[in-house]
Protein backbone atom coordinates (compact mmCIF):
# COMPACT_ATOMS: atom_id res chain seq x y z
CA MET A 1 -62.19 198.92 97.68
CA LYS A 2 -62.60 199.57 93.95
CA LYS A 3 -60.00 202.36 93.99
CA TYR A 4 -57.61 200.13 95.91
CA CYS A 5 -58.00 197.31 93.37
CA ILE A 6 -57.37 199.71 90.51
CA ALA A 7 -54.28 201.08 92.27
CA ILE A 8 -52.76 197.62 92.69
CA ARG A 9 -53.97 196.44 89.25
CA LYS A 10 -56.27 193.70 90.54
CA LYS A 11 -59.71 192.72 89.33
CA PHE A 12 -62.69 193.34 91.62
CA TYR A 13 -65.61 190.88 91.51
CA LEU A 14 -68.74 191.01 93.61
CA ALA A 15 -70.30 187.77 94.79
CA ASN A 16 -73.89 186.93 93.91
CA ASN A 17 -75.11 190.42 92.97
CA ILE A 18 -74.63 190.99 89.26
CA GLN A 19 -76.79 194.10 89.02
CA LEU A 20 -74.88 195.88 91.79
CA ALA A 21 -71.51 194.81 90.34
CA GLU A 22 -72.51 196.29 86.99
CA LYS A 23 -73.95 199.44 88.57
CA LEU A 24 -70.65 199.98 90.42
CA SER A 25 -68.70 199.35 87.18
CA LEU A 26 -66.77 196.47 88.71
CA ASP A 27 -64.81 193.96 86.65
CA GLY A 28 -67.49 191.32 87.06
CA ALA A 29 -69.43 189.09 89.39
CA TYR A 30 -69.15 185.63 90.91
CA ILE A 31 -72.19 183.32 90.79
CA PRO A 32 -71.94 180.60 93.46
CA SER A 33 -73.09 177.05 92.78
CA PHE A 34 -76.17 177.48 94.97
CA ASN A 35 -77.48 180.30 92.77
CA LYS A 36 -79.50 178.27 90.27
CA ASN A 37 -82.36 180.57 89.31
CA LEU A 38 -80.46 183.45 87.85
CA ILE A 39 -81.11 184.19 84.19
CA ILE A 40 -78.22 186.08 82.68
CA THR A 41 -78.41 188.57 79.85
CA ARG A 42 -75.45 190.32 78.31
CA PHE A 43 -74.44 193.50 80.01
CA LYS A 44 -74.01 197.12 79.04
CA THR A 45 -70.43 197.01 80.33
CA LYS A 46 -68.14 195.63 77.65
CA ASN A 47 -65.51 193.95 79.82
CA PHE A 48 -67.81 192.50 82.47
CA THR A 49 -66.73 188.98 83.45
CA LEU A 50 -68.88 186.31 85.07
CA LEU A 51 -67.29 183.67 87.27
CA GLY A 52 -69.26 180.64 88.42
CA SER A 53 -68.68 177.58 90.53
CA ALA A 54 -70.00 174.04 90.18
CA HIS A 55 -69.51 170.67 91.80
CA ASN A 56 -71.34 168.31 89.44
CA ILE A 57 -72.72 168.02 85.90
CA LYS A 58 -76.10 169.52 86.81
CA GLU A 59 -74.45 172.62 88.29
CA ILE A 60 -72.02 172.88 85.36
CA ASN A 61 -74.96 172.92 82.94
CA GLN A 62 -76.65 175.60 85.06
CA LYS A 63 -73.54 177.79 84.94
CA ILE A 64 -73.34 177.34 81.17
CA ARG A 65 -76.99 178.50 80.89
CA GLN A 66 -76.02 181.45 83.07
CA LYS A 67 -73.29 182.22 80.52
CA VAL A 68 -70.32 182.34 82.89
CA ASP A 69 -67.00 183.22 81.31
CA TYR A 70 -64.92 181.16 83.77
CA LEU A 71 -66.11 178.03 85.51
CA PHE A 72 -64.58 176.89 88.80
CA ILE A 73 -65.06 173.14 89.22
CA SER A 74 -64.37 171.69 92.64
CA PRO A 75 -63.16 169.90 94.55
CA ILE A 76 -60.48 168.33 92.42
CA PHE A 77 -58.67 166.80 95.43
CA LYS A 78 -59.83 165.60 98.84
CA ILE A 79 -60.85 168.35 101.24
CA THR A 80 -61.92 168.14 104.85
CA LYS A 81 -65.37 169.67 104.27
CA LYS A 82 -66.59 167.01 101.81
CA LYS A 83 -66.41 163.25 101.41
CA ASN A 84 -66.36 163.26 97.60
CA PHE A 85 -63.83 164.79 95.25
CA LEU A 86 -63.31 164.53 91.49
CA GLY A 87 -59.71 163.44 91.10
CA ILE A 88 -57.67 164.12 87.98
CA VAL A 89 -59.42 161.63 85.65
CA ARG A 90 -62.99 162.80 86.36
CA PHE A 91 -61.90 166.43 86.32
CA ASN A 92 -60.30 165.95 82.88
CA ILE A 93 -63.42 164.23 81.55
CA LEU A 94 -65.60 167.15 82.70
CA SER A 95 -63.10 169.69 81.40
CA GLN A 96 -63.03 168.11 77.93
CA LYS A 97 -66.78 167.52 77.81
CA PHE A 98 -67.69 171.13 78.50
CA ASN A 99 -64.77 172.84 76.72
CA ARG A 100 -64.90 176.08 78.71
CA ASN A 101 -62.46 178.26 80.60
CA ILE A 102 -62.32 175.85 83.51
CA VAL A 103 -60.49 176.58 86.73
CA ALA A 104 -59.57 173.71 89.05
CA LEU A 105 -60.26 174.36 92.72
CA GLY A 106 -60.29 172.41 95.94
CA GLY A 107 -57.74 170.51 97.96
CA ILE A 108 -54.69 171.84 96.12
CA ASN A 109 -51.70 171.70 98.44
CA LYS A 110 -47.92 171.29 98.29
CA ASP A 111 -48.25 167.48 98.16
CA ASN A 112 -50.47 167.38 95.06
CA LEU A 113 -49.40 170.63 93.38
CA LYS A 114 -47.20 168.70 90.93
CA MET A 115 -50.26 166.75 89.73
CA ILE A 116 -51.83 169.99 88.45
CA LYS A 117 -49.70 169.66 85.30
CA ASN A 118 -51.79 166.56 84.45
CA ILE A 119 -55.12 168.33 84.37
CA LYS A 120 -56.72 169.87 81.32
CA ASN A 121 -57.84 173.29 82.45
CA TYR A 122 -57.56 177.00 81.90
CA SER A 123 -56.08 177.64 85.32
CA PHE A 124 -56.22 176.59 88.95
CA ALA A 125 -56.89 178.33 92.25
CA SER A 126 -56.21 177.52 95.86
CA ILE A 127 -57.36 178.95 99.14
CA SER A 128 -55.97 176.74 101.91
CA TYR A 129 -52.55 176.31 100.28
CA ILE A 130 -52.11 180.07 100.07
CA LYS A 131 -53.35 180.52 103.65
CA ASN A 132 -50.76 177.97 104.83
CA ILE A 133 -47.96 179.82 103.02
CA ILE A 134 -49.03 183.11 104.60
CA LYS A 135 -49.04 181.57 108.11
CA ARG A 136 -45.34 180.64 107.84
């Protein structure tokens, strides 16, 4: 998998196992929101990137303590799995308050894609929207 990612010039991140990701000399690791006990120290690998996800202020603070480089905050829009979502105003408040490399995630589709220009973030990501495009 690592060789394939290098060949197609894509980053390779391992979920929830930082030590193994570093041992395998991957590009970084992803720390899910449920991983709250991890204490992060800086790594031997220079360009090792930590990604983390959060859904509320408590989880955002945890990811900051874990020293993530990019913070995925979700869901920004309504999704079927959850009743609550942030919306643009609350997302922008969180984004400004924490002043990090924040990535918007959750519920992004063709109907609300234009609203992304109104959010204050580093980037955005989508899963279901991309899956729907692929199905066509």
